[in-house]
Each structure stands twice: as C-alpha cells, then as structure tokens.
C-alpha cells in the first residue's frame, strides 16, 4: 500500500473481543474467565448469605454477562475452553450453601 509494509500482529482486541491470528479463542475465553472469577471472588467476600436465591441473582446479573458477551462470535468449541468456562459455573455452585458437592 503505497510502499508501506503492513505490520504483523498476533492478536487484536476489537469491541471487547480478543481475536488471534490463528483464529483460536483461547485468549478470549481465558479473559472472560478471569473477569468472572474476580467478580465471584468479590461476591464470596462481600455476601456472606449463601442462599440459593441470592447467589443466583448475583451470578446472573454480575458474572454471566462476562461469559456471554458476544458469545455468538467466539463460541468455544475446544474441550479445554469449554471446561475453562464451566469451571466458573462450578465455582459459583460451590458458593451456594448445601450445594458444595452437587457437581
């Protein structure tokens, strides 16, 4: 393009989604899981009430949006990415009193 070289990048973040040059969504999945785990940690420290209703409302309103943001684009299909995302759900289940051993 007019004598200018186009620089090679390994990943690019656009609209909050990390796209890698090999079109794998590992970075996006790990980023979403990290954000969700941070919020779950805050929930477990702040809300001592471990009732099912409280945790479900907090999970649905604060955690799930990070896991589902633009998931139509980066829908995970590798087992390791799916297990990574399911780990957040397991951790949330452990916060509910009486459901620590449900999974």
PDB file of N, CA and C in Angstrom:
ATOM      1  N   UNK A   1       0.840  -1.172   0.000  1.00  0.00           N
ATOM      2  CA  UNK A   1       0.000   0.000   0.000  1.00  0.00           C
ATOM      3  C   UNK A   1       0.888   1.238   0.000  1.00  0.00           C
ATOM      4  N   UNK A   2       1.122   1.752  -1.147  1.00  0.00           N
ATOM      5  CA  UNK A   2       1.953   2.950  -1.324  1.00  0.00           C
ATOM      6  C   UNK A   2       3.343   2.773  -0.725  1.00  0.00           C
ATOM      7  N   UNK A   3       3.889   1.570  -0.805  1.00  0.00           N
ATOM      8  CA  UNK A   3       5.237   1.327  -0.321  1.00  0.00           C
ATOM      9  C   UNK A   3       5.344   1.087   1.169  1.00  0.00           C
ATOM     10  N   UNK A   4       4.231   1.108   1.910  1.00  0.00           N
ATOM     11  CA  UNK A   4       4.255   0.874   3.357  1.00  0.00           C
ATOM     12  C   UNK A   4       4.018  -0.612   3.630  1.00  0.00           C
ATOM     13  N   UNK A   5       4.782  -1.149   4.527  1.00  0.00           N
ATOM     14  CA  UNK A   5       4.602  -2.541   4.936  1.00  0.00           C
ATOM     15  C   UNK A   5       3.530  -2.622   6.009  1.00  0.00           C
ATOM     16  N   UNK A   6       2.722  -3.657   5.927  1.00  0.00           N
ATOM     17  CA  UNK A   6       1.699  -3.897   6.936  1.00  0.00           C
ATOM     18  C   UNK A   6       2.326  -4.730   8.048  1.00  0.00           C
ATOM     19  N   UNK A   7       2.224  -4.255   9.259  1.00  0.00           N
ATOM     20  CA  UNK A   7       2.855  -4.962  10.371  1.00  0.00           C
ATOM     21  C   UNK A   7       2.008  -6.160  10.796  1.00  0.00           C
ATOM     22  N   UNK A   8       2.678  -7.227  11.167  1.00  0.00           N
ATOM     23  CA  UNK A   8       2.014  -8.468  11.603  1.00  0.00           C
ATOM     24  C   UNK A   8       1.745  -8.388  13.107  1.00  0.00           C
ATOM     25  N   UNK A   9       0.516  -8.660  13.488  1.00  0.00           N
ATOM     26  CA  UNK A   9       0.156  -8.706  14.899  1.00  0.00           C
ATOM     27  C   UNK A   9      -0.369 -10.097  15.221  1.00  0.00           C
ATOM     28  N   UNK A  10      -0.136 -10.551  16.449  1.00  0.00           N
ATOM     29  CA  UNK A  10      -0.587 -11.888  16.836  1.00  0.00           C
ATOM     30  C   UNK A  10      -1.998 -11.881  17.383  1.00  0.00           C
ATOM     31  N   UNK A  11      -2.420 -10.749  17.932  1.00  0.00           N
ATOM     32  CA  UNK A  11      -3.791 -10.641  18.425  1.00  0.00           C
ATOM     33  C   UNK A  11      -4.239  -9.188  18.396  1.00  0.00           C
ATOM     34  N   UNK A  12      -5.543  -9.034  18.275  1.00  0.00           N
ATOM     35  CA  UNK A  12      -6.132  -7.702  18.221  1.00  0.00           C
ATOM     36  C   UNK A  12      -7.408  -7.723  19.037  1.00  0.00           C
ATOM     37  N   UNK A  13      -7.633  -6.654  19.780  1.00  0.00           N
ATOM     38  CA  UNK A  13      -8.839  -6.544  20.578  1.00  0.00           C
ATOM     39  C   UNK A  13      -9.757  -5.527  19.921  1.00  0.00           C
ATOM     40  N   UNK A  14     -10.965  -5.976  19.596  1.00  0.00           N
ATOM     41  CA  UNK A  14     -11.935  -5.116  18.941  1.00  0.00           C
ATOM     42  C   UNK A  14     -13.300  -5.369  19.544  1.00  0.00           C
ATOM     43  N   UNK A  15     -13.955  -4.326  19.979  1.00  0.00           N
ATOM     44  CA  UNK A  15     -15.279  -4.412  20.617  1.00  0.00           C
ATOM     45  C   UNK A  15     -15.272  -5.323  21.834  1.00  0.00           C
ATOM     46  N   UNK A  16     -14.151  -5.387  22.533  1.00  0.00           N
ATOM     47  CA  UNK A  16     -14.064  -6.187  23.741  1.00  0.00           C
ATOM     48  C   UNK A  16     -13.781  -7.651  23.499  1.00  0.00           C
ATOM     49  N   UNK A  17     -13.522  -8.034  22.258  1.00  0.00           N
ATOM     50  CA  UNK A  17     -13.232  -9.425  21.928  1.00  0.00           C
ATOM     51  C   UNK A  17     -11.806  -9.513  21.409  1.00  0.00           C
ATOM     52  N   UNK A  18     -11.046 -10.455  21.947  1.00  0.00           N
ATOM     53  CA  UNK A  18      -9.676 -10.653  21.526  1.00  0.00           C
ATOM     54  C   UNK A  18      -9.638 -11.680  20.401  1.00  0.00           C
ATOM     55  N   UNK A  19      -9.130 -11.262  19.253  1.00  0.00           N
ATOM     56  CA  UNK A  19      -9.019 -12.131  18.081  1.00  0.00           C
ATOM     57  C   UNK A  19      -7.545 -12.398  17.834  1.00  0.00           C
ATOM     58  N   UNK A  20      -7.178 -13.671  17.721  1.00  0.00           N
ATOM     59  CA  UNK A  20      -5.781 -14.013  17.472  1.00  0.00           C
ATOM     60  C   UNK A  20      -5.571 -14.282  15.988  1.00  0.00           C
ATOM     61  N   UNK A  21      -4.311 -14.313  15.583  1.00  0.00           N
ATOM     62  CA  UNK A  21      -4.005 -14.518  14.163  1.00  0.00           C
ATOM     63  C   UNK A  21      -4.316 -15.932  13.690  1.00  0.00           C
ATOM     64  N   UNK A  22      -4.418 -16.885  14.614  1.00  0.00           N
ATOM     65  CA  UNK A  22      -4.761 -18.257  14.226  1.00  0.00           C
ATOM     66  C   UNK A  22      -6.255 -18.558  14.397  1.00  0.00           C
ATOM     67  N   UNK A  23      -7.032 -17.516  14.728  1.00  0.00           N
ATOM     68  CA  UNK A  23      -8.488 -17.598  14.894  1.00  0.00           C
ATOM     69  C   UNK A  23      -8.919 -18.581  15.978  1.00  0.00           C
ATOM     70  N   UNK A  24      -8.098 -18.734  16.984  1.00  0.00           N
ATOM     71  CA  UNK A  24      -8.487 -19.515  18.159  1.00  0.00           C
ATOM     72  C   UNK A  24      -8.933 -18.543  19.234  1.00  0.00           C
ATOM     73  N   UNK A  25      -9.862 -18.984  20.054  1.00  0.00           N
ATOM     74  CA  UNK A  25     -10.490 -18.098  21.033  1.00  0.00           C
ATOM     75  C   UNK A  25      -9.979 -18.337  22.446  1.00  0.00           C
ATOM     76  N   UNK A  26      -8.800 -18.920  22.578  1.00  0.00           N
ATOM     77  CA  UNK A  26      -8.246 -19.224  23.897  1.00  0.00           C
ATOM     78  C   UNK A  26      -8.050 -17.966  24.739  1.00  0.00           C
ATOM     79  N   UNK A  27      -7.528 -16.917  24.148  1.00  0.00           N
ATOM     80  CA  UNK A  27      -7.308 -15.658  24.888  1.00  0.00           C
ATOM     81  C   UNK A  27      -8.634 -15.047  25.331  1.00  0.00           C
ATOM     82  N   UNK A  28      -9.641 -15.084  24.464  1.00  0.00           N
ATOM     83  CA  UNK A  28     -10.943 -14.528  24.816  1.00  0.00           C
ATOM     84  C   UNK A  28     -11.570 -15.315  25.949  1.00  0.00           C
ATOM     85  N   UNK A  29     -11.487 -16.655  25.884  1.00  0.00           N
ATOM     86  CA  UNK A  29     -12.060 -17.494  26.942  1.00  0.00           C
ATOM     87  C   UNK A  29     -11.359 -17.253  28.267  1.00  0.00           C
ATOM     88  N   UNK A  30     -10.038 -17.207  28.241  1.00  0.00           N
ATOM     89  CA  UNK A  30      -9.315 -17.002  29.496  1.00  0.00           C
ATOM     90  C   UNK A  30      -9.563 -15.602  30.055  1.00  0.00           C
ATOM     91  N   UNK A  31      -9.708 -14.620  29.195  1.00  0.00           N
ATOM     92  CA  UNK A  31     -10.017 -13.265  29.655  1.00  0.00           C
ATOM     93  C   UNK A  31     -11.394 -13.208  30.305  1.00  0.00           C
ATOM     94  N   UNK A  32     -12.373 -13.825  29.678  1.00  0.00           N
ATOM     95  CA  UNK A  32     -13.728 -13.844  30.238  1.00  0.00           C
ATOM     96  C   UNK A  32     -13.760 -14.588  31.566  1.00  0.00           C
ATOM     97  N   UNK A  33     -13.038 -15.699  31.650  1.00  0.00           N
ATOM     98  CA  UNK A  33     -12.999 -16.480  32.887  1.00  0.00           C
ATOM     99  C   UNK A  33     -12.305 -15.704  34.001  1.00  0.00           C
ATOM    100  N   UNK A  34     -11.239 -14.999  33.680  1.00  0.00           N
ATOM    101  CA  UNK A  34     -10.541 -14.199  34.693  1.00  0.00           C
ATOM    102  C   UNK A  34     -11.450 -13.113  35.260  1.00  0.00           C
ATOM    103  N   UNK A  35     -12.177 -12.417  34.390  1.00  0.00           N
ATOM    104  CA  UNK A  35     -13.100 -11.376  34.854  1.00  0.00           C
ATOM    105  C   UNK A  35     -14.201 -11.977  35.715  1.00  0.00           C
ATOM    106  N   UNK A  36     -14.740 -13.109  35.268  1.00  0.00           N
ATOM    107  CA  UNK A  36     -15.821 -13.758  36.015  1.00  0.00           C
ATOM    108  C   UNK A  36     -15.331 -14.261  37.368  1.00  0.00           C
ATOM    109  N   UNK A  37     -14.127 -14.822  37.422  1.00  0.00           N
ATOM    110  CA  UNK A  37     -13.589 -15.309  38.693  1.00  0.00           C
ATOM    111  C   UNK A  37     -13.308 -14.171  39.670  1.00  0.00           C
ATOM    112  N   UNK A  38     -12.879 -13.039  39.159  1.00  0.00           N
ATOM    113  CA  UNK A  38     -12.662 -11.880  40.032  1.00  0.00           C
ATOM    114  C   UNK A  38     -13.983 -11.447  40.659  1.00  0.00           C
ATOM    115  N   UNK A  39     -15.024 -11.397  39.854  1.00  0.00           N
ATOM    116  CA  UNK A  39     -16.332 -10.987  40.375  1.00  0.00           C
ATOM    117  C   UNK A  39     -16.872 -12.023  41.349  1.00  0.00           C
ATOM    118  N   UNK A  40     -16.683 -13.313  41.054  1.00  0.00           N
ATOM    119  CA  UNK A  40     -17.114 -14.354  42.001  1.00  0.00           C
ATOM    120  C   UNK A  40     -16.366 -14.243  43.325  1.00  0.00           C
ATOM    121  N   UNK A  41     -15.096 -13.897  43.263  1.00  0.00           N
ATOM    122  CA  UNK A  41     -14.332 -13.695  44.488  1.00  0.00           C
ATOM    123  C   UNK A  41     -14.882 -12.548  45.316  1.00  0.00           C
ATOM    124  N   UNK A  42     -15.255 -11.472  44.646  1.00  0.00           N
ATOM    125  CA  UNK A  42     -15.855 -10.342  45.352  1.00  0.00           C
ATOM    126  C   UNK A  42     -17.193 -10.729  45.961  1.00  0.00           C
ATOM    127  N   UNK A  43     -17.977 -11.491  45.233  1.00  0.00           N
ATOM    128  CA  UNK A  43     -19.274 -11.939  45.743  1.00  0.00           C
ATOM    129  C   UNK A  43     -19.087 -12.787  46.985  1.00  0.00           C
ATOM    130  N   UNK A  44     -18.113 -13.700  46.948  1.00  0.00           N
ATOM    131  CA  UNK A  44     -17.914 -14.587  48.100  1.00  0.00           C
ATOM    132  C   UNK A  44     -17.406 -13.833  49.323  1.00  0.00           C
ATOM    133  N   UNK A  45     -16.661 -12.740  49.108  1.00  0.00           N
ATOM    134  CA  UNK A  45     -16.158 -11.960  50.240  1.00  0.00           C
ATOM    135  C   UNK A  45     -17.220 -11.012  50.811  1.00  0.00           C
ATOM    136  N   UNK A  46     -18.021 -10.446  49.953  1.00  0.00           N
ATOM    137  CA  UNK A  46     -18.963  -9.418  50.382  1.00  0.00           C
ATOM    138  C   UNK A  46     -20.266 -10.009  50.905  1.00  0.00           C
ATOM    139  N   UNK A  47     -20.815 -10.979  50.184  1.00  0.00           N
ATOM    140  CA  UNK A  47     -22.110 -11.544  50.547  1.00  0.00           C
ATOM    141  C   UNK A  47     -21.911 -12.838  51.322  1.00  0.00           C
ATOM    142  N   UNK A  48     -22.144 -12.773  52.600  1.00  0.00           N
ATOM    143  CA  UNK A  48     -21.965 -13.945  53.444  1.00  0.00           C
ATOM    144  C   UNK A  48     -23.187 -14.852  53.411  1.00  0.00           C
ATOM    145  N   UNK A  49     -24.303 -14.316  52.948  1.00  0.00           N
ATOM    146  CA  UNK A  49     -25.517 -15.107  52.811  1.00  0.00           C
ATOM    147  C   UNK A  49     -25.334 -16.045  51.616  1.00  0.00           C
ATOM    148  N   UNK A  50     -25.266 -17.319  51.867  1.00  0.00           N
ATOM    149  CA  UNK A  50     -25.050 -18.285  50.794  1.00  0.00           C
ATOM    150  C   UNK A  50     -26.322 -18.916  50.301  1.00  0.00           C
ATOM    151  N   UNK A  51     -27.439 -18.203  50.417  1.00  0.00           N
ATOM    152  CA  UNK A  51     -28.700 -18.780  49.968  1.00  0.00           C
ATOM    153  C   UNK A  51     -28.720 -18.880  48.444  1.00  0.00           C
ATOM    154  N   UNK A  52     -29.466 -19.834  47.973  1.00  0.00           N
ATOM    155  CA  UNK A  52     -29.539 -20.104  46.540  1.00  0.00           C
ATOM    156  C   UNK A  52     -30.063 -18.896  45.777  1.00  0.00           C
ATOM    157  N   UNK A  53     -31.083 -18.250  46.305  1.00  0.00           N
ATOM    158  CA  UNK A  53     -31.686 -17.112  45.624  1.00  0.00           C
ATOM    159  C   UNK A  53     -30.700 -15.958  45.472  1.00  0.00           C
ATOM    160  N   UNK A  54     -29.972 -15.655  46.527  1.00  0.00           N
ATOM    161  CA  UNK A  54     -29.022 -14.546  46.498  1.00  0.00           C
ATOM    162  C   UNK A  54     -27.902 -14.801  45.501  1.00  0.00           C
ATOM    163  N   UNK A  55     -27.300 -15.970  45.582  1.00  0.00           N
ATOM    164  CA  UNK A  55     -26.175 -16.289  44.711  1.00  0.00           C
ATOM    165  C   UNK A  55     -26.620 -16.347  43.248  1.00  0.00           C
ATOM    166  N   UNK A  56     -27.792 -16.913  42.988  1.00  0.00           N
ATOM    167  CA  UNK A  56     -28.272 -16.991  41.601  1.00  0.00           C
ATOM    168  C   UNK A  56     -28.514 -15.615  40.996  1.00  0.00           C
ATOM    169  N   UNK A  57     -29.105 -14.721  41.774  1.00  0.00           N
ATOM    170  CA  UNK A  57     -29.344 -13.362  41.276  1.00  0.00           C
ATOM    171  C   UNK A  57     -28.022 -12.668  40.993  1.00  0.00           C
ATOM    172  N   UNK A  58     -27.073 -12.785  41.909  1.00  0.00           N
ATOM    173  CA  UNK A  58     -25.767 -12.157  41.723  1.00  0.00           C
ATOM    174  C   UNK A  58     -25.019 -12.771  40.539  1.00  0.00           C
ATOM    175  N   UNK A  59     -25.076 -14.083  40.403  1.00  0.00           N
ATOM    176  CA  UNK A  59     -24.399 -14.761  39.298  1.00  0.00           C
ATOM    177  C   UNK A  59     -24.996 -14.331  37.957  1.00  0.00           C
ATOM    178  N   UNK A  60     -26.325 -14.330  37.885  1.00  0.00           N
ATOM    179  CA  UNK A  60     -26.989 -13.977  36.621  1.00  0.00           C
ATOM    180  C   UNK A  60     -26.769 -12.522  36.230  1.00  0.00           C
ATOM    181  N   UNK A  61     -26.683 -11.649  37.207  1.00  0.00           N
ATOM    182  CA  UNK A  61     -26.574 -10.230  36.883  1.00  0.00           C
ATOM    183  C   UNK A  61     -25.137  -9.724  36.781  1.00  0.00           C
ATOM    184  N   UNK A  62     -24.199 -10.338  37.491  1.00  0.00           N
ATOM    185  CA  UNK A  62     -22.829  -9.825  37.516  1.00  0.00           C
ATOM    186  C   UNK A  62     -21.807 -10.695  36.794  1.00  0.00           C
ATOM    187  N   UNK A  63     -21.970 -12.006  36.839  1.00  0.00           N
ATOM    188  CA  UNK A  63     -20.956 -12.909  36.294  1.00  0.00           C
ATOM    189  C   UNK A  63     -21.290 -13.354  34.875  1.00  0.00           C
ATOM    190  N   UNK A  64     -22.510 -13.819  34.686  1.00  0.00           N
ATOM    191  CA  UNK A  64     -22.890 -14.381  33.389  1.00  0.00           C
ATOM    192  C   UNK A  64     -22.703 -13.431  32.211  1.00  0.00           C
ATOM    193  N   UNK A  65     -22.960 -12.128  32.359  1.00  0.00           N
ATOM    194  CA  UNK A  65     -22.735 -11.241  31.205  1.00  0.00           C
ATOM    195  C   UNK A  65     -21.296 -11.257  30.686  1.00  0.00           C
ATOM    196  N   UNK A  66     -20.322 -11.458  31.559  1.00  0.00           N
ATOM    197  CA  UNK A  66     -18.928 -11.535  31.119  1.00  0.00           C
ATOM    198  C   UNK A  66     -18.676 -12.815  30.327  1.00  0.00           C
ATOM    199  N   UNK A  67     -19.358 -13.876  30.683  1.00  0.00           N
ATOM    200  CA  UNK A  67     -19.174 -15.143  29.987  1.00  0.00           C
ATOM    201  C   UNK A  67     -19.946 -15.192  28.670  1.00  0.00           C
ATOM    202  N   UNK A  68     -20.993 -14.414  28.558  1.00  0.00           N
ATOM    203  CA  UNK A  68     -21.840 -14.470  27.374  1.00  0.00           C
ATOM    204  C   UNK A  68     -21.663 -13.296  26.421  1.00  0.00           C
ATOM    205  N   UNK A  69     -20.776 -12.371  26.734  1.00  0.00           N
ATOM    206  CA  UNK A  69     -20.605 -11.199  25.877  1.00  0.00           C
ATOM    207  C   UNK A  69     -20.118 -11.620  24.493  1.00  0.00           C
ATOM    208  N   UNK A  70     -20.922 -11.375  23.493  1.00  0.00           N
ATOM    209  CA  UNK A  70     -20.628 -11.714  22.092  1.00  0.00           C
ATOM    210  C   UNK A  70     -20.269 -13.185  21.902  1.00  0.00           C
ATOM    211  N   UNK A  71     -20.875 -14.049  22.672  1.00  0.00           N
ATOM    212  CA  UNK A  71     -20.539 -15.472  22.569  1.00  0.00           C
ATOM    213  C   UNK A  71     -20.969 -16.064  21.229  1.00  0.00           C
ATOM    214  N   UNK A  72     -21.829 -15.371  20.489  1.00  0.00           N
ATOM    215  CA  UNK A  72     -22.188 -15.840  19.156  1.00  0.00           C
ATOM    216  C   UNK A  72     -20.971 -15.798  18.231  1.00  0.00           C
ATOM    217  N   UNK A  73     -20.068 -14.874  18.505  1.00  0.00           N
ATOM    218  CA  UNK A  73     -18.868 -14.736  17.682  1.00  0.00           C
ATOM    219  C   UNK A  73     -17.792 -15.729  18.122  1.00  0.00           C
ATOM    220  N   UNK A  74     -17.511 -15.782  19.406  1.00  0.00           N
ATOM    221  CA  UNK A  74     -16.373 -16.580  19.885  1.00  0.00           C
ATOM    222  C   UNK A  74     -16.795 -17.873  20.566  1.00  0.00           C
ATOM    223  N   UNK A  75     -17.918 -18.411  20.220  1.00  0.00           N
ATOM    224  CA  UNK A  75     -18.427 -19.633  20.838  1.00  0.00           C
ATOM    225  C   UNK A  75     -17.331 -20.700  20.904  1.00  0.00           C
ATOM    226  N   UNK A  76     -16.996 -21.136  22.107  1.00  0.00           N
ATOM    227  CA  UNK A  76     -15.888 -22.100  22.233  1.00  0.00           C
ATOM    228  C   UNK A  76     -16.289 -23.481  21.719  1.00  0.00           C
ATOM    229  N   UNK A  77     -15.388 -24.104  21.003  1.00  0.00           N
ATOM    230  CA  UNK A  77     -15.645 -25.451  20.531  1.00  0.00           C
ATOM    231  C   UNK A  77     -14.537 -26.424  20.927  1.00  0.00           C
ATOM    232  N   UNK A  78     -13.464 -25.934  21.501  1.00  0.00           N
ATOM    233  CA  UNK A  78     -12.437 -26.815  22.033  1.00  0.00           C
ATOM    234  C   UNK A  78     -12.809 -27.219  23.457  1.00  0.00           C
ATOM    235  N   UNK A  79     -12.564 -28.470  23.782  1.00  0.00           N
ATOM    236  CA  UNK A  79     -12.915 -29.012  25.099  1.00  0.00           C
ATOM    237  C   UNK A  79     -12.244 -28.217  26.214  1.00  0.00           C
ATOM    238  N   UNK A  80     -10.990 -27.829  26.032  1.00  0.00           N
ATOM    239  CA  UNK A  80     -10.276 -27.096  27.096  1.00  0.00           C
ATOM    240  C   UNK A  80     -10.930 -25.740  27.364  1.00  0.00           C
ATOM    241  N   UNK A  81     -11.430 -25.076  26.326  1.00  0.00           N
ATOM    242  CA  UNK A  81     -12.096 -23.790  26.524  1.00  0.00           C
ATOM    243  C   UNK A  81     -13.449 -23.972  27.197  1.00  0.00           C
ATOM    244  N   UNK A  82     -14.169 -25.015  26.811  1.00  0.00           N
ATOM    245  CA  UNK A  82     -15.463 -25.296  27.425  1.00  0.00           C
ATOM    246  C   UNK A  82     -15.296 -25.621  28.896  1.00  0.00           C
ATOM    247  N   UNK A  83     -14.290 -26.433  29.226  1.00  0.00           N
ATOM    248  CA  UNK A  83     -14.044 -26.787  30.632  1.00  0.00           C
ATOM    249  C   UNK A  83     -13.627 -25.570  31.441  1.00  0.00           C
ATOM    250  N   UNK A  84     -12.903 -24.668  30.823  1.00  0.00           N
ATOM    251  CA  UNK A  84     -12.485 -23.439  31.493  1.00  0.00           C
ATOM    252  C   UNK A  84     -13.706 -22.607  31.877  1.00  0.00           C
ATOM    253  N   UNK A  85     -14.647 -22.472  30.951  1.00  0.00           N
ATOM    254  CA  UNK A  85     -15.868 -21.709  31.218  1.00  0.00           C
ATOM    255  C   UNK A  85     -16.769 -22.424  32.220  1.00  0.00           C
ATOM    256  N   UNK A  86     -16.836 -23.748  32.136  1.00  0.00           N
ATOM    257  CA  UNK A  86     -17.660 -24.498  33.086  1.00  0.00           C
ATOM    258  C   UNK A  86     -17.093 -24.448  34.496  1.00  0.00           C
ATOM    259  N   UNK A  87     -15.781 -24.217  34.614  1.00  0.00           N
ATOM    260  CA  UNK A  87     -15.169 -24.074  35.926  1.00  0.00           C
ATOM    261  C   UNK A  87     -15.730 -22.901  36.704  1.00  0.00           C
ATOM    262  N   UNK A  88     -16.089 -21.848  35.999  1.00  0.00           N
ATOM    263  CA  UNK A  88     -16.701 -20.683  36.655  1.00  0.00           C
ATOM    264  C   UNK A  88     -18.057 -21.083  37.227  1.00  0.00           C
ATOM    265  N   UNK A  89     -18.825 -21.856  36.480  1.00  0.00           N
ATOM    266  CA  UNK A  89     -20.127 -22.302  36.968  1.00  0.00           C
ATOM    267  C   UNK A  89     -19.968 -23.220  38.179  1.00  0.00           C
ATOM    268  N   UNK A  90     -18.964 -24.073  38.155  1.00  0.00           N
ATOM    269  CA  UNK A  90     -18.727 -24.942  39.321  1.00  0.00           C
ATOM    270  C   UNK A  90     -18.375 -24.121  40.553  1.00  0.00           C
ATOM    271  N   UNK A  91     -17.556 -23.097  40.350  1.00  0.00           N
ATOM    272  CA  UNK A  91     -17.162 -22.245  41.469  1.00  0.00           C
ATOM    273  C   UNK A  91     -18.365 -21.502  42.028  1.00  0.00           C
ATOM    274  N   UNK A  92     -19.254 -21.047  41.151  1.00  0.00           N
ATOM    275  CA  UNK A  92     -20.461 -20.362  41.612  1.00  0.00           C
ATOM    276  C   UNK A  92     -21.364 -21.322  42.375  1.00  0.00           C
ATOM    277  N   UNK A  93     -21.432 -22.560  41.933  1.00  0.00           N
ATOM    278  CA  UNK A  93     -22.254 -23.566  42.615  1.00  0.00           C
ATOM    279  C   UNK A  93     -21.725 -23.826  44.021  1.00  0.00           C
ATOM    280  N   UNK A  94     -20.415 -23.780  44.185  1.00  0.00           N
ATOM    281  CA  UNK A  94     -19.823 -24.012  45.499  1.00  0.00           C
ATOM    282  C   UNK A  94     -20.151 -22.900  46.488  1.00  0.00           C
ATOM    283  N   UNK A  95     -20.519 -21.728  45.987  1.00  0.00           N
ATOM    284  CA  UNK A  95     -20.869 -20.627  46.878  1.00  0.00           C
ATOM    285  C   UNK A  95     -22.242 -20.809  47.515  1.00  0.00           C
ATOM    286  N   UNK A  96     -23.078 -21.634  46.895  1.00  0.00           N
ATOM    287  CA  UNK A  96     -24.429 -21.845  47.406  1.00  0.00           C
ATOM    288  C   UNK A  96     -24.390 -22.828  48.553  1.00  0.00           C
ATOM    289  N   UNK A  97     -24.954 -22.451  49.684  1.00  0.00           N
ATOM    290  CA  UNK A  97     -24.982 -23.324  50.860  1.00  0.00           C
ATOM    291  C   UNK A  97     -25.759 -24.597  50.543  1.00  0.00           C
ATOM    292  N   UNK A  98     -25.161 -25.723  50.843  1.00  0.00           N
ATOM    293  CA  UNK A  98     -25.816 -27.013  50.621  1.00  0.00           C
ATOM    294  C   UNK A  98     -25.557 -27.599  49.255  1.00  0.00           C
ATOM    295  N   UNK A  99     -24.938 -26.851  48.341  1.00  0.00           N
ATOM    296  CA  UNK A  99     -24.670 -27.377  47.011  1.00  0.00           C
ATOM    297  C   UNK A  99     -23.176 -27.514  46.726  1.00  0.00           C
ATOM    298  N   UNK A 100     -22.369 -27.544  47.744  1.00  0.00           N
ATOM    299  CA  UNK A 100     -20.925 -27.601  47.566  1.00  0.00           C
ATOM    300  C   UNK A 100     -20.484 -28.850  46.821  1.00  0.00           C
ATOM    301  N   UNK A 101     -21.214 -29.940  46.985  1.00  0.00           N
ATOM    302  CA  UNK A 101     -20.817 -31.206  46.382  1.00  0.00           C
ATOM    303  C   UNK A 101     -21.798 -31.654  45.311  1.00  0.00           C
ATOM    304  N   UNK A 102     -22.519 -30.703  44.715  1.00  0.00           N
ATOM    305  CA  UNK A 102     -23.558 -31.052  43.730  1.00  0.00           C
ATOM    306  C   UNK A 102     -22.958 -31.524  42.410  1.00  0.00           C
ATOM    307  N   UNK A 103     -21.794 -31.036  42.042  1.00  0.00           N
ATOM    308  CA  UNK A 103     -21.219 -31.426  40.750  1.00  0.00           C
ATOM    309  C   UNK A 103     -20.170 -32.475  40.896  1.00  0.00           C
TER     310      UNK A 103
END
